[in-house]
PDB file of all heavy atoms in Angstrom:
ATOM      1  N   ILE A   1     102.017  91.368  93.943  1.00  0.00           N
ATOM      2  CA  ILE A   1     101.489  90.624  95.087  1.00  0.00           C
ATOM      3  C   ILE A   1     101.390  89.150  94.708  1.00  0.00           C
ATOM      4  O   ILE A   1     100.753  88.790  93.711  1.00  0.00           O
ATOM      5  CB  ILE A   1     100.099  91.148  95.495  1.00  0.00           C
ATOM      6  CG1 ILE A   1     100.147  92.641  95.799  1.00  0.00           C
ATOM      7  CG2 ILE A   1      99.565  90.365  96.684  1.00  0.00           C
ATOM      8  CD1 ILE A   1     101.033  93.000  96.959  1.00  0.00           C
ATOM      9  N   THR A   2     102.031  88.300  95.495  1.00  0.00           N
ATOM     10  CA  THR A   2     101.987  86.859  95.260  1.00  0.00           C
ATOM     11  C   THR A   2     101.528  86.156  96.534  1.00  0.00           C
ATOM     12  O   THR A   2     101.379  86.768  97.593  1.00  0.00           O
ATOM     13  CB  THR A   2     103.377  86.324  94.870  1.00  0.00           C
ATOM     14  OG1 THR A   2     104.265  86.478  95.991  1.00  0.00           O
ATOM     15  CG2 THR A   2     103.939  87.077  93.672  1.00  0.00           C
ATOM     16  N   GLU A   3     101.330  84.868  96.417  1.00  0.00           N
ATOM     17  CA  GLU A   3     100.923  84.080  97.597  1.00  0.00           C
ATOM     18  C   GLU A   3     101.985  84.152  98.685  1.00  0.00           C
ATOM     19  O   GLU A   3     101.671  84.143  99.879  1.00  0.00           O
ATOM     20  CB  GLU A   3     100.686  82.622  97.184  1.00  0.00           C
ATOM     21  CG  GLU A   3     100.179  81.748  98.324  1.00  0.00           C
ATOM     22  CD  GLU A   3      99.896  80.327  97.860  1.00  0.00           C
ATOM     23  OE1 GLU A   3     100.125  80.028  96.672  1.00  0.00           O
ATOM     24  OE2 GLU A   3      99.443  79.529  98.684  1.00  0.00           O
ATOM     25  N   ASP A   4     103.251  84.258  98.291  1.00  0.00           N
ATOM     26  CA  ASP A   4     104.344  84.250  99.267  1.00  0.00           C
ATOM     27  C   ASP A   4     104.465  85.570 100.027  1.00  0.00           C
ATOM     28  O   ASP A   4     104.800  85.579 101.206  1.00  0.00           O
ATOM     29  CB  ASP A   4     105.672  83.948  98.561  1.00  0.00           C
ATOM     30  CG  ASP A   4     105.700  82.535  97.976  1.00  0.00           C
ATOM     31  OD1 ASP A   4     105.008  81.652  98.540  1.00  0.00           O
ATOM     32  OD2 ASP A   4     106.398  82.338  96.967  1.00  0.00           O
ATOM     33  N   ASN A   5     104.223  86.700  99.347  1.00  0.00           N
ATOM     34  CA  ASN A   5     104.438  87.987 100.015  1.00  0.00           C
ATOM     35  C   ASN A   5     103.142  88.696 100.403  1.00  0.00           C
ATOM     36  O   ASN A   5     103.167  89.829 100.870  1.00  0.00           O
ATOM     37  CB  ASN A   5     105.283  88.916  99.133  1.00  0.00           C
ATOM     38  CG  ASN A   5     104.589  89.273  97.820  1.00  0.00           C
ATOM     39  OD1 ASN A   5     103.371  89.216  97.690  1.00  0.00           O
ATOM     40  ND2 ASN A   5     105.383  89.658  96.822  1.00  0.00           N
ATOM     41  N   PHE A   6     102.003  88.028 100.218  1.00  0.00           N
ATOM     42  CA  PHE A   6     100.709  88.676 100.475  1.00  0.00           C
ATOM     43  C   PHE A   6     100.614  89.223 101.899  1.00  0.00           C
ATOM     44  O   PHE A   6     100.280  90.390 102.116  1.00  0.00           O
ATOM     45  CB  PHE A   6      99.575  87.674 100.228  1.00  0.00           C
ATOM     46  CG  PHE A   6      98.205  88.250 100.458  1.00  0.00           C
ATOM     47  CD1 PHE A   6      97.534  88.908  99.438  1.00  0.00           C
ATOM     48  CD2 PHE A   6      97.589  88.151 101.696  1.00  0.00           C
ATOM     49  CE1 PHE A   6      96.263  89.445  99.650  1.00  0.00           C
ATOM     50  CE2 PHE A   6      96.337  88.695 101.924  1.00  0.00           C
ATOM     51  CZ  PHE A   6      95.668  89.338 100.896  1.00  0.00           C
ATOM     52  N   SER A   7     100.921  88.394 102.883  1.00  0.00           N
ATOM     53  CA  SER A   7     100.770  88.826 104.280  1.00  0.00           C
ATOM     54  C   SER A   7     101.748  89.942 104.631  1.00  0.00           C
ATOM     55  O   SER A   7     101.491  90.744 105.524  1.00  0.00           O
ATOM     56  CB  SER A   7     100.981  87.638 105.224  1.00  0.00           C
ATOM     57  OG  SER A   7     102.266  87.068 105.048  1.00  0.00           O
ATOM     58  N   GLU A   8     102.868  90.019 103.913  1.00  0.00           N
ATOM     59  CA  GLU A   8     103.880  91.038 104.190  1.00  0.00           C
ATOM     60  C   GLU A   8     103.515  92.385 103.581  1.00  0.00           C
ATOM     61  O   GLU A   8     103.727  93.439 104.197  1.00  0.00           O
ATOM     62  CB  GLU A   8     105.233  90.584 103.632  1.00  0.00           C
ATOM     63  CG  GLU A   8     106.334  91.622 103.748  1.00  0.00           C
ATOM     64  CD  GLU A   8     107.601  91.192 103.019  1.00  0.00           C
ATOM     65  OE1 GLU A   8     107.669  90.031 102.578  1.00  0.00           O
ATOM     66  OE2 GLU A   8     108.507  92.032 102.888  1.00  0.00           O
ATOM     67  N   LEU A   9     102.937  92.372 102.374  1.00  0.00           N
ATOM     68  CA  LEU A   9     102.709  93.612 101.637  1.00  0.00           C
ATOM     69  C   LEU A   9     101.291  94.155 101.744  1.00  0.00           C
ATOM     70  O   LEU A   9     101.081  95.361 101.604  1.00  0.00           O
ATOM     71  CB  LEU A   9     103.042  93.401 100.150  1.00  0.00           C
ATOM     72  CG  LEU A   9     104.485  93.041  99.819  1.00  0.00           C
ATOM     73  CD1 LEU A   9     104.656  92.850  98.316  1.00  0.00           C
ATOM     74  CD2 LEU A   9     105.444  94.111 100.331  1.00  0.00           C
ATOM     75  N   VAL A  10     100.320  93.283 101.994  1.00  0.00           N
ATOM     76  CA  VAL A  10      98.925  93.721 102.000  1.00  0.00           C
ATOM     77  C   VAL A  10      98.450  93.928 103.429  1.00  0.00           C
ATOM     78  O   VAL A  10      98.304  92.988 104.199  1.00  0.00           O
ATOM     79  CB  VAL A  10      98.017  92.704 101.278  1.00  0.00           C
ATOM     80  CG1 VAL A  10      96.572  93.185 101.295  1.00  0.00           C
ATOM     81  CG2 VAL A  10      98.491  92.497  99.844  1.00  0.00           C
ATOM     82  N   LYS A  11      98.222  95.201 103.766  1.00  0.00           N
ATOM     83  CA  LYS A  11      97.749  95.560 105.101  1.00  0.00           C
ATOM     84  C   LYS A  11      96.629  96.578 104.970  1.00  0.00           C
ATOM     85  O   LYS A  11      96.414  97.148 103.897  1.00  0.00           O
ATOM     86  CB  LYS A  11      98.901  96.147 105.942  1.00  0.00           C
ATOM     87  CG  LYS A  11     100.062  95.190 106.178  1.00  0.00           C
ATOM     88  CD  LYS A  11     101.140  95.849 107.033  1.00  0.00           C
ATOM     89  CE  LYS A  11     102.213  94.852 107.438  1.00  0.00           C
ATOM     90  NZ  LYS A  11     103.083  94.467 106.365  1.00  0.00           N
ATOM     91  N   ASP A  12      95.923  96.810 106.045  1.00  0.00           N
ATOM     92  CA  ASP A  12      94.836  97.787 106.018  1.00  0.00           C
ATOM     93  C   ASP A  12      95.354  99.141 105.549  1.00  0.00           C
ATOM     94  O   ASP A  12      96.388  99.621 106.015  1.00  0.00           O
ATOM     95  CB  ASP A  12      94.215  97.939 107.414  1.00  0.00           C
ATOM     96  CG  ASP A  12      93.394  96.728 107.821  1.00  0.00           C
ATOM     97  OD1 ASP A  12      93.047  95.939 106.918  1.00  0.00           O
ATOM     98  OD2 ASP A  12      93.116  96.563 109.019  1.00  0.00           O
ATOM     99  N   GLY A  13      94.636  99.752 104.628  1.00  0.00           N
ATOM    100  CA  GLY A  13      94.995 101.089 104.177  1.00  0.00           C
ATOM    101  C   GLY A  13      96.003 101.140 103.051  1.00  0.00           C
ATOM    102  O   GLY A  13      96.308 102.213 102.549  1.00  0.00           O
ATOM    103  N   VAL A  14      96.529  99.988 102.642  1.00  0.00           N
ATOM    104  CA  VAL A  14      97.519  99.956 101.564  1.00  0.00           C
ATOM    105  C   VAL A  14      96.820 100.096 100.213  1.00  0.00           C
ATOM    106  O   VAL A  14      95.798  99.467  99.962  1.00  0.00           O
ATOM    107  CB  VAL A  14      98.335  98.637 101.602  1.00  0.00           C
ATOM    108  CG1 VAL A  14      99.183  98.499 100.341  1.00  0.00           C
ATOM    109  CG2 VAL A  14      99.219  98.613 102.821  1.00  0.00           C
ATOM    110  N   THR A  15      97.353 100.950  99.347  1.00  0.00           N
ATOM    111  CA  THR A  15      96.810 101.136  98.006  1.00  0.00           C
ATOM    112  C   THR A  15      97.435 100.121  97.053  1.00  0.00           C
ATOM    113  O   THR A  15      98.648  99.933  97.055  1.00  0.00           O
ATOM    114  CB  THR A  15      97.094 102.558  97.494  1.00  0.00           C
ATOM    115  OG1 THR A  15      96.463 103.498  98.377  1.00  0.00           O
ATOM    116  CG2 THR A  15      96.558 102.759  96.087  1.00  0.00           C
ATOM    117  N   LEU A  16      96.603  99.466  96.243  1.00  0.00           N
ATOM    118  CA  LEU A  16      97.073  98.459  95.294  1.00  0.00           C
ATOM    119  C   LEU A  16      96.643  98.834  93.876  1.00  0.00           C
ATOM    120  O   LEU A  16      95.651  99.527  93.681  1.00  0.00           O
ATOM    121  CB  LEU A  16      96.506  97.078  95.652  1.00  0.00           C
ATOM    122  CG  LEU A  16      96.854  96.521  97.041  1.00  0.00           C
ATOM    123  CD1 LEU A  16      96.105  95.225  97.285  1.00  0.00           C
ATOM    124  CD2 LEU A  16      98.348  96.317  97.182  1.00  0.00           C
ATOM    125  N   TYR A  17      97.422  98.376  92.901  1.00  0.00           N
ATOM    126  CA  TYR A  17      97.084  98.559  91.497  1.00  0.00           C
ATOM    127  C   TYR A  17      96.646  97.218  90.904  1.00  0.00           C
ATOM    128  O   TYR A  17      97.251  96.174  91.199  1.00  0.00           O
ATOM    129  CB  TYR A  17      98.302  99.035  90.686  1.00  0.00           C
ATOM    130  CG  TYR A  17      98.781 100.433  90.985  1.00  0.00           C
ATOM    131  CD1 TYR A  17     100.103 100.791  90.702  1.00  0.00           C
ATOM    132  CD2 TYR A  17      97.937 101.406  91.516  1.00  0.00           C
ATOM    133  CE1 TYR A  17     100.563 102.082  90.959  1.00  0.00           C
ATOM    134  CE2 TYR A  17      98.393 102.686  91.771  1.00  0.00           C
ATOM    135  CZ  TYR A  17      99.703 103.018  91.495  1.00  0.00           C
ATOM    136  OH  TYR A  17     100.167 104.285  91.742  1.00  0.00           O
ATOM    137  N   LEU A  18      95.609  97.242  90.070  1.00  0.00           N
ATOM    138  CA  LEU A  18      95.208  96.087  89.277  1.00  0.00           C
ATOM    139  C   LEU A  18      95.599  96.396  87.834  1.00  0.00           C
ATOM    140  O   LEU A  18      95.027  97.278  87.200  1.00  0.00           O
ATOM    141  CB  LEU A  18      93.696  95.855  89.384  1.00  0.00           C
ATOM    142  CG  LEU A  18      93.114  94.709  88.557  1.00  0.00           C
ATOM    143  CD1 LEU A  18      93.701  93.366  89.002  1.00  0.00           C
ATOM    144  CD2 LEU A  18      91.596  94.680  88.666  1.00  0.00           C
ATOM    145  N   LEU A  19      96.628  95.682  87.323  1.00  0.00           N
ATOM    146  CA  LEU A  19      97.219  96.018  86.034  1.00  0.00           C
ATOM    147  C   LEU A  19      97.294  94.797  85.130  1.00  0.00           C
ATOM    148  O   LEU A  19      97.178  93.656  85.584  1.00  0.00           O
ATOM    149  CB  LEU A  19      98.647  96.566  86.237  1.00  0.00           C
ATOM    150  CG  LEU A  19      98.799  97.766  87.188  1.00  0.00           C
ATOM    151  CD1 LEU A  19     100.282  98.026  87.442  1.00  0.00           C
ATOM    152  CD2 LEU A  19      98.118  98.990  86.620  1.00  0.00           C
ATOM    153  N   GLN A  20      97.529  95.055  83.857  1.00  0.00           N
ATOM    154  CA  GLN A  20      97.739  93.963  82.914  1.00  0.00           C
ATOM    155  C   GLN A  20      99.157  93.432  82.991  1.00  0.00           C
ATOM    156  O   GLN A  20      99.415  92.278  82.672  1.00  0.00           O
ATOM    157  CB  GLN A  20      97.418  94.438  81.487  1.00  0.00           C
ATOM    158  CG  GLN A  20      95.934  94.743  81.276  1.00  0.00           C
ATOM    159  CD  GLN A  20      95.657  95.295  79.891  1.00  0.00           C
ATOM    160  OE1 GLN A  20      96.393  96.145  79.400  1.00  0.00           O
ATOM    161  NE2 GLN A  20      94.595  94.814  79.254  1.00  0.00           N
ATOM    162  N   SER A  21     100.093  94.281  83.415  1.00  0.00           N
ATOM    163  CA  SER A  21     101.473  93.861  83.619  1.00  0.00           C
ATOM    164  C   SER A  21     102.095  94.789  84.660  1.00  0.00           C
ATOM    165  O   SER A  21     101.594  95.887  84.901  1.00  0.00           O
ATOM    166  CB  SER A  21     102.277  93.930  82.315  1.00  0.00           C
ATOM    167  OG  SER A  21     102.369  95.261  81.853  1.00  0.00           O
ATOM    168  N   VAL A  22     103.179  94.332  85.281  1.00  0.00           N
ATOM    169  CA  VAL A  22     103.807  95.109  86.347  1.00  0.00           C
ATOM    170  C   VAL A  22     104.262  96.473  85.850  1.00  0.00           C
ATOM    171  O   VAL A  22     104.190  97.478  86.571  1.00  0.00           O
ATOM    172  CB  VAL A  22     104.997  94.325  86.943  1.00  0.00           C
ATOM    173  CG1 VAL A  22     105.781  95.187  87.924  1.00  0.00           C
ATOM    174  CG2 VAL A  22     104.496  93.062  87.644  1.00  0.00           C
ATOM    175  N   ASP A  23     104.744  96.539  84.597  1.00  0.00           N
ATOM    176  CA  ASP A  23     105.294  97.790  84.075  1.00  0.00           C
ATOM    177  C   ASP A  23     104.299  98.561  83.218  1.00  0.00           C
ATOM    178  O   ASP A  23     104.677  99.451  82.453  1.00  0.00           O
ATOM    179  CB  ASP A  23     106.567  97.524  83.272  1.00  0.00           C
ATOM    180  CG  ASP A  23     106.332  96.545  82.125  1.00  0.00           C
ATOM    181  OD1 ASP A  23     105.198  96.026  82.003  1.00  0.00           O
ATOM    182  OD2 ASP A  23     107.281  96.304  81.358  1.00  0.00           O
ATOM    183  N   GLN A  24     102.996  98.259  83.346  1.00  0.00           N
ATOM    184  CA  GLN A  24     101.988  98.964  82.570  1.00  0.00           C
ATOM    185  C   GLN A  24     101.990 100.451  82.909  1.00  0.00           C
ATOM    186  O   GLN A  24     102.092 100.849  84.073  1.00  0.00           O
ATOM    187  CB  GLN A  24     100.598  98.384  82.853  1.00  0.00           C
ATOM    188  CG  GLN A  24      99.460  99.108  82.144  1.00  0.00           C
ATOM    189  CD  GLN A  24      98.099  98.539  82.504  1.00  0.00           C
ATOM    190  OE1 GLN A  24      97.994  97.404  82.942  1.00  0.00           O
ATOM    191  NE2 GLN A  24      97.048  99.323  82.347  1.00  0.00           N
ATOM    192  N   ILE A  25     101.872 101.297  81.893  1.00  0.00           N
ATOM    193  CA  ILE A  25     101.804 102.740  82.118  1.00  0.00           C
ATOM    194  C   ILE A  25     100.421 103.101  82.647  1.00  0.00           C
ATOM    195  O   ILE A  25      99.399 102.667  82.105  1.00  0.00           O
ATOM    196  CB  ILE A  25     102.079 103.507  80.803  1.00  0.00           C
ATOM    197  CG1 ILE A  25     103.508 103.227  80.319  1.00  0.00           C
ATOM    198  CG2 ILE A  25     101.866 105.005  80.987  1.00  0.00           C
ATOM    199  CD1 ILE A  25     103.839 103.865  78.987  1.00  0.00           C
ATOM    200  N   LEU A  26     100.368 103.891  83.710  1.00  0.00           N
ATOM    201  CA  LEU A  26      99.089 104.300  84.280  1.00  0.00           C
ATOM    202  C   LEU A  26      98.402 105.288  83.345  1.00  0.00           C
ATOM    203  O   LEU A  26      99.024 106.207  82.823  1.00  0.00           O
ATOM    204  CB  LEU A  26      99.299 104.949  85.650  1.00  0.00           C
ATOM    205  CG  LEU A  26      99.954 104.061  86.724  1.00  0.00           C
ATOM    206  CD1 LEU A  26     100.087 104.841  88.034  1.00  0.00           C
ATOM    207  CD2 LEU A  26      99.142 102.796  86.945  1.00  0.00           C
ATOM    208  N   LEU A  27      97.103 105.109  83.143  1.00  0.00           N
ATOM    209  CA  LEU A  27      96.355 105.960  82.229  1.00  0.00           C
ATOM    210  C   LEU A  27      96.002 107.302  82.851  1.00  0.00           C
ATOM    211  O   LEU A  27      95.722 108.268  82.153  1.00  0.00           O
ATOM    212  CB  LEU A  27      95.078 105.245  81.768  1.00  0.00           C
ATOM    213  CG  LEU A  27      95.296 103.922  81.015  1.00  0.00           C
ATOM    214  CD1 LEU A  27      93.964 103.310  80.628  1.00  0.00           C
ATOM    215  CD2 LEU A  27      96.160 104.156  79.774  1.00  0.00           C
ATOM    216  N   SER A  28      96.022 107.370  84.173  1.00  0.00           N
ATOM    217  CA  SER A  28      95.720 108.633  84.848  1.00  0.00           C
ATOM    218  C   SER A  28      96.406 108.640  86.203  1.00  0.00           C
ATOM    219  O   SER A  28      96.853 107.598  86.692  1.00  0.00           O
ATOM    220  CB  SER A  28      94.207 108.810  85.020  1.00  0.00           C
ATOM    221  OG  SER A  28      93.671 107.788  85.840  1.00  0.00           O
ATOM    222  N   ALA A  29      96.483 109.810  86.804  1.00  0.00           N
ATOM    223  CA  ALA A  29      97.128 109.933  88.113  1.00  0.00           C
ATOM    224  C   ALA A  29      96.266 109.275  89.180  1.00  0.00           C
ATOM    225  O   ALA A  29      95.034 109.255  89.082  1.00  0.00           O
ATOM    226  CB  ALA A  29      97.346 111.403  88.443  1.00  0.00           C
ATOM    227  N   THR A  30      96.908 108.722  90.170  1.00  0.00           N
ATOM    228  CA  THR A  30      96.195 108.121  91.294  1.00  0.00           C
ATOM    229  C   THR A  30      96.516 108.904  92.563  1.00  0.00           C
ATOM    230  O   THR A  30      97.547 109.570  92.652  1.00  0.00           O
ATOM    231  CB  THR A  30      96.604 106.648  91.500  1.00  0.00           C
ATOM    232  OG1 THR A  30      97.989 106.588  91.869  1.00  0.00           O
ATOM    233  CG2 THR A  30      96.379 105.845  90.238  1.00  0.00           C
TER     234      THR A  30
END
């Protein structure tokens, strides 16, 4: 998510990840 694509990708009900890097391995299932 960047300033340029925020309005396009972020909408009500959308699930987002907060990560240290884009390719970070998830520690558990979501």
